Amino acid sequence: MALKYLLLLFIVMPVVEMWLLITVGQQIGALPTIGLVLLTAVVGISLLRKQGFATLFRARQKMDIGELPAMEMGETIVLAICGALLLTPGFVTDVLGFAGLIPPVRLWLVSRLVAKVVIAGHQEQRFNEPFSPDKVSENRRGKTLEGEFWRNQDSEK
């Protein structure tokens, strides 16, 4: 079923993009149309880079306090898809790519995706729930080995 929609997307989307590029090219000319496509790609990638670093910073902060950065991981996936859309020549893909760079739109998309993901393990845990060491089973916790290690100076020579 999803394959049918994907195939339709790969057939319809390029036709729509070509039609729109030709229409805009007839209205403003070929070189301004090409310049506009390049400008949207450059602006989009610079916005993507800025938002990507901000997302990575938030993910790092969550990991430092022991939380699972589920939303940030989802945002990273959406940002990667938006980057691919922004690099694809055309106005429809640019609009979709820029829509994913709008934080409320991106968070709405990610919250819908994250709500459906379940972490498989000893005990199932929802992706958007904070990680708790208490949820790890006792027999798994008992296999943790703690110790110290010193490298012998003679073995490095």
C-alpha atoms as a PDB file:
ATOM      1  CA  MET A   1       0.000   0.000   0.000  1.00  0.00           C
ATOM      2  CA  ALA A   2       2.753   2.476   0.941  1.00  0.00           C
ATOM      3  CA  LEU A   3       4.680   1.441  -2.174  1.00  0.00           C
ATOM      4  CA  LYS A   4       1.764   2.594  -4.316  1.00  0.00           C
ATOM      5  CA  TYR A   5       1.829   6.056  -2.726  1.00  0.00           C
ATOM      6  CA  LEU A   6       5.602   6.236  -2.974  1.00  0.00           C
ATOM      7  CA  LEU A   7       5.497   5.355  -6.654  1.00  0.00           C
ATOM      8  CA  LEU A   8       2.787   7.955  -7.209  1.00  0.00           C
ATOM      9  CA  LEU A   9       4.918  10.517  -5.388  1.00  0.00           C
ATOM     10  CA  PHE A  10       7.943   9.802  -7.598  1.00  0.00           C
ATOM     11  CA  ILE A  11       5.830  10.159 -10.744  1.00  0.00           C
ATOM     12  CA  VAL A  12       3.610  13.109  -9.816  1.00  0.00           C
ATOM     13  CA  MET A  13       6.122  15.254  -7.922  1.00  0.00           C
ATOM     14  CA  PRO A  14       8.665  15.693 -10.749  1.00  0.00           C
ATOM     15  CA  VAL A  15       5.866  16.526 -13.215  1.00  0.00           C
ATOM     16  CA  VAL A  16       4.455  19.169 -10.842  1.00  0.00           C
ATOM     17  CA  GLU A  17       7.945  20.592 -10.254  1.00  0.00           C
ATOM     18  CA  MET A  18       8.684  20.817 -13.987  1.00  0.00           C
ATOM     19  CA  TRP A  19       5.327  22.451 -14.693  1.00  0.00           C
ATOM     20  CA  LEU A  20       5.864  25.020 -11.937  1.00  0.00           C
ATOM     21  CA  LEU A  21       9.445  25.766 -13.020  1.00  0.00           C
ATOM     22  CA  ILE A  22       8.319  26.281 -16.629  1.00  0.00           C
ATOM     23  CA  THR A  23       5.425  28.499 -15.542  1.00  0.00           C
ATOM     24  CA  VAL A  24       7.637  30.651 -13.300  1.00  0.00           C
ATOM     25  CA  GLY A  25      10.310  30.735 -16.015  1.00  0.00           C
ATOM     26  CA  GLN A  26       7.772  32.075 -18.507  1.00  0.00           C
ATOM     27  CA  GLN A  27       6.715  34.789 -16.075  1.00  0.00           C
ATOM     28  CA  ILE A  28      10.097  36.047 -14.829  1.00  0.00           C
ATOM     29  CA  GLY A  29      12.594  34.477 -17.234  1.00  0.00           C
ATOM     30  CA  ALA A  30      14.932  31.490 -17.135  1.00  0.00           C
ATOM     31  CA  LEU A  31      17.920  33.042 -15.343  1.00  0.00           C
ATOM     32  CA  PRO A  32      15.880  34.645 -12.534  1.00  0.00           C
ATOM     33  CA  THR A  33      14.077  31.310 -12.047  1.00  0.00           C
ATOM     34  CA  ILE A  34      17.396  29.455 -11.765  1.00  0.00           C
ATOM     35  CA  GLY A  35      18.673  32.149  -9.400  1.00  0.00           C
ATOM     36  CA  LEU A  36      15.556  31.828  -7.262  1.00  0.00           C
ATOM     37  CA  VAL A  37      15.982  28.052  -7.030  1.00  0.00           C
ATOM     38  CA  LEU A  38      19.635  28.470  -6.015  1.00  0.00           C
ATOM     39  CA  LEU A  39      18.764  31.216  -3.515  1.00  0.00           C
ATOM     40  CA  THR A  40      16.142  29.073  -1.790  1.00  0.00           C
ATOM     41  CA  ALA A  41      18.652  26.224  -1.551  1.00  0.00           C
ATOM     42  CA  VAL A  42      21.354  28.451   0.002  1.00  0.00           C
ATOM     43  CA  VAL A  43      18.968  30.140   2.457  1.00  0.00           C
ATOM     44  CA  GLY A  44      17.372  26.807   3.359  1.00  0.00           C
ATOM     45  CA  ILE A  45      20.672  25.065   4.011  1.00  0.00           C
ATOM     46  CA  SER A  46      21.913  27.928   6.212  1.00  0.00           C
ATOM     47  CA  LEU A  47      18.685  27.799   8.261  1.00  0.00           C
ATOM     48  CA  LEU A  48      18.934  24.018   8.389  1.00  0.00           C
ATOM     49  CA  ARG A  49      22.492  24.190   9.674  1.00  0.00           C
ATOM     50  CA  LYS A  50      21.570  26.652  12.429  1.00  0.00           C
ATOM     51  CA  GLN A  51      18.543  24.645  13.557  1.00  0.00           C
ATOM     52  CA  GLY A  52      20.441  21.375  13.320  1.00  0.00           C
ATOM     53  CA  PHE A  53      23.149  22.598  15.685  1.00  0.00           C
ATOM     54  CA  ALA A  54      20.496  23.913  18.096  1.00  0.00           C
ATOM     55  CA  THR A  55      18.780  20.512  18.048  1.00  0.00           C
ATOM     56  CA  LEU A  56      22.056  18.688  18.684  1.00  0.00           C
ATOM     57  CA  PHE A  57      22.791  21.041  21.595  1.00  0.00           C
ATOM     58  CA  ARG A  58      19.373  20.317  23.159  1.00  0.00           C
ATOM     59  CA  ALA A  59      19.913  16.567  22.671  1.00  0.00           C
ATOM     60  CA  ARG A  60      23.283  16.793  24.400  1.00  0.00           C
ATOM     61  CA  GLN A  61      21.717  18.669  27.321  1.00  0.00           C
ATOM     62  CA  LYS A  62      19.046  15.986  27.725  1.00  0.00           C
ATOM     63  CA  MET A  63      21.620  13.186  27.613  1.00  0.00           C
ATOM     64  CA  ASP A  64      23.726  14.983  30.228  1.00  0.00           C
ATOM     65  CA  ILE A  65      20.811  14.888  32.683  1.00  0.00           C
ATOM     66  CA  GLY A  66      20.021  11.260  31.825  1.00  0.00           C
ATOM     67  CA  GLU A  67      16.935  11.773  29.664  1.00  0.00           C
ATOM     68  CA  LEU A  68      16.332  10.144  26.317  1.00  0.00           C
ATOM     69  CA  PRO A  69      16.382  12.878  23.625  1.00  0.00           C
ATOM     70  CA  ALA A  70      13.455  11.365  21.719  1.00  0.00           C
ATOM     71  CA  MET A  71      12.033  14.610  20.371  1.00  0.00           C
ATOM     72  CA  GLU A  72      15.471  15.800  19.323  1.00  0.00           C
ATOM     73  CA  MET A  73      16.178  12.542  17.481  1.00  0.00           C
ATOM     74  CA  GLY A  74      12.860  12.899  15.684  1.00  0.00           C
ATOM     75  CA  GLU A  75      13.641  16.534  14.877  1.00  0.00           C
ATOM     76  CA  THR A  76      16.984  15.454  13.418  1.00  0.00           C
ATOM     77  CA  ILE A  77      15.230  13.034  11.072  1.00  0.00           C
ATOM     78  CA  VAL A  78      12.737  15.703   9.987  1.00  0.00           C
ATOM     79  CA  LEU A  79      15.567  18.208   9.491  1.00  0.00           C
ATOM     80  CA  ALA A  80      17.491  15.714   7.334  1.00  0.00           C
ATOM     81  CA  ILE A  81      14.438  15.150   5.144  1.00  0.00           C
ATOM     82  CA  CYS A  82      13.899  18.911   4.908  1.00  0.00           C
ATOM     83  CA  GLY A  83      17.522  19.366   3.874  1.00  0.00           C
ATOM     84  CA  ALA A  84      17.076  16.846   1.065  1.00  0.00           C
ATOM     85  CA  LEU A  85      13.912  18.625  -0.045  1.00  0.00           C
ATOM     86  CA  LEU A  86      15.661  22.010  -0.014  1.00  0.00           C
ATOM     87  CA  LEU A  87      18.524  20.702  -2.140  1.00  0.00           C
ATOM     88  CA  THR A  88      16.105  19.222  -4.684  1.00  0.00           C
ATOM     89  CA  PRO A  89      15.502  21.794  -7.424  1.00  0.00           C
ATOM     90  CA  GLY A  90      11.939  23.014  -7.473  1.00  0.00           C
ATOM     91  CA  PHE A  91       9.494  25.219  -5.665  1.00  0.00           C
ATOM     92  CA  VAL A  92       7.136  22.595  -4.238  1.00  0.00           C
ATOM     93  CA  THR A  93       9.988  20.727  -2.547  1.00  0.00           C
ATOM     94  CA  ASP A  94      11.344  24.060  -1.269  1.00  0.00           C
ATOM     95  CA  VAL A  95       7.975  24.913   0.291  1.00  0.00           C
ATOM     96  CA  LEU A  96       7.825  21.484   1.964  1.00  0.00           C
ATOM     97  CA  GLY A  97      11.442  21.808   3.118  1.00  0.00           C
ATOM     98  CA  PHE A  98      10.893  25.292   4.549  1.00  0.00           C
ATOM     99  CA  ALA A  99       7.695  24.107   6.274  1.00  0.00           C
ATOM    100  CA  GLY A 100       9.771  21.552   8.186  1.00  0.00           C
ATOM    101  CA  LEU A 101      12.098  24.347   9.321  1.00  0.00           C
ATOM    102  CA  ILE A 102       9.248  26.155  11.072  1.00  0.00           C
ATOM    103  CA  PRO A 103       9.599  24.959  14.696  1.00  0.00           C
ATOM    104  CA  PRO A 104       5.858  24.540  15.484  1.00  0.00           C
ATOM    105  CA  VAL A 105       5.294  22.557  12.286  1.00  0.00           C
ATOM    106  CA  ARG A 106       8.363  20.411  12.927  1.00  0.00           C
ATOM    107  CA  LEU A 107       7.380  19.755  16.550  1.00  0.00           C
ATOM    108  CA  TRP A 108       3.878  18.784  15.454  1.00  0.00           C
ATOM    109  CA  LEU A 109       5.308  16.283  12.954  1.00  0.00           C
ATOM    110  CA  VAL A 110       7.809  14.883  15.433  1.00  0.00           C
ATOM    111  CA  SER A 111       5.268  14.553  18.254  1.00  0.00           C
ATOM    112  CA  ARG A 112       3.036  12.494  15.957  1.00  0.00           C
ATOM    113  CA  LEU A 113       5.974  10.258  14.988  1.00  0.00           C
ATOM    114  CA  VAL A 114       7.420   9.865  18.482  1.00  0.00           C
ATOM    115  CA  ALA A 115       4.048   8.917  19.975  1.00  0.00           C
ATOM    116  CA  LYS A 116       3.993   5.821  17.745  1.00  0.00           C
ATOM    117  CA  VAL A 117       7.536   4.589  18.450  1.00  0.00           C
ATOM    118  CA  VAL A 118       8.137   2.024  21.191  1.00  0.00           C
ATOM    119  CA  ILE A 119      11.579   1.034  22.476  1.00  0.00           C
ATOM    120  CA  ALA A 120      11.887  -2.746  22.493  1.00  0.00           C
ATOM    121  CA  GLY A 121      13.876  -4.309  25.286  1.00  0.00           C
ATOM    122  CA  HIS A 122      13.298  -6.206  28.506  1.00  0.00           C
ATOM    123  CA  GLN A 123      10.370  -3.945  29.192  1.00  0.00           C
ATOM    124  CA  GLU A 124       8.668  -1.894  26.539  1.00  0.00           C
ATOM    125  CA  GLN A 125       8.980   1.805  27.065  1.00  0.00           C
ATOM    126  CA  ARG A 126       7.425   4.613  25.062  1.00  0.00           C
ATOM    127  CA  PHE A 127       9.906   6.813  23.238  1.00  0.00           C
ATOM    128  CA  ASN A 128       8.579   9.997  24.798  1.00  0.00           C
ATOM    129  CA  GLU A 129       8.763   8.690  28.383  1.00  0.00           C
ATOM    130  CA  PRO A 130      11.832   9.714  30.401  1.00  0.00           C
ATOM    131  CA  PHE A 131      14.337   6.897  30.888  1.00  0.00           C
ATOM    132  CA  SER A 132      14.334   5.438  34.353  1.00  0.00           C
ATOM    133  CA  PRO A 133      16.994   3.016  35.617  1.00  0.00           C
ATOM    134  CA  ASP A 134      14.283   1.481  37.821  1.00  0.00           C
ATOM    135  CA  LYS A 135      12.641   0.091  34.667  1.00  0.00           C
ATOM    136  CA  VAL A 136      15.722  -2.026  33.938  1.00  0.00           C
ATOM    137  CA  SER A 137      15.135  -5.534  35.248  1.00  0.00           C
ATOM    138  CA  GLU A 138      17.063  -6.696  38.314  1.00  0.00           C
ATOM    139  CA  ASN A 139      18.798  -9.597  36.566  1.00  0.00           C
ATOM    140  CA  ARG A 140      20.193  -7.248  33.927  1.00  0.00           C
ATOM    141  CA  ARG A 141      21.341  -4.766  36.554  1.00  0.00           C
ATOM    142  CA  GLY A 142      23.240  -7.569  38.320  1.00  0.00           C
ATOM    143  CA  LYS A 143      25.508  -8.105  35.283  1.00  0.00           C
ATOM    144  CA  THR A 144      27.143  -4.678  35.561  1.00  0.00           C
ATOM    145  CA  LEU A 145      30.870  -4.907  36.287  1.00  0.00           C
ATOM    146  CA  GLU A 146      32.630  -2.043  37.989  1.00  0.00           C
ATOM    147  CA  GLY A 147      36.364  -1.762  38.417  1.00  0.00           C
ATOM    148  CA  GLU A 148      39.542   0.175  37.733  1.00  0.00           C
ATOM    149  CA  PHE A 149      42.147  -0.225  35.036  1.00  0.00           C
ATOM    150  CA  TRP A 150      45.823   0.784  34.945  1.00  0.00           C
ATOM    151  CA  ARG A 151      48.004   0.486  31.872  1.00  0.00           C
ATOM    152  CA  ASN A 152      51.434  -0.974  32.573  1.00  0.00           C
ATOM    153  CA  GLN A 153      54.092   1.505  31.421  1.00  0.00           C
ATOM    154  CA  ASP A 154      56.357  -1.359  30.244  1.00  0.00           C
ATOM    155  CA  SER A 155      53.732  -2.748  27.838  1.00  0.00           C
ATOM    156  CA  GLU A 156      53.531   0.536  25.885  1.00  0.00           C
ATOM    157  CA  LYS A 157      57.171   0.330  24.725  1.00  0.00           C
END
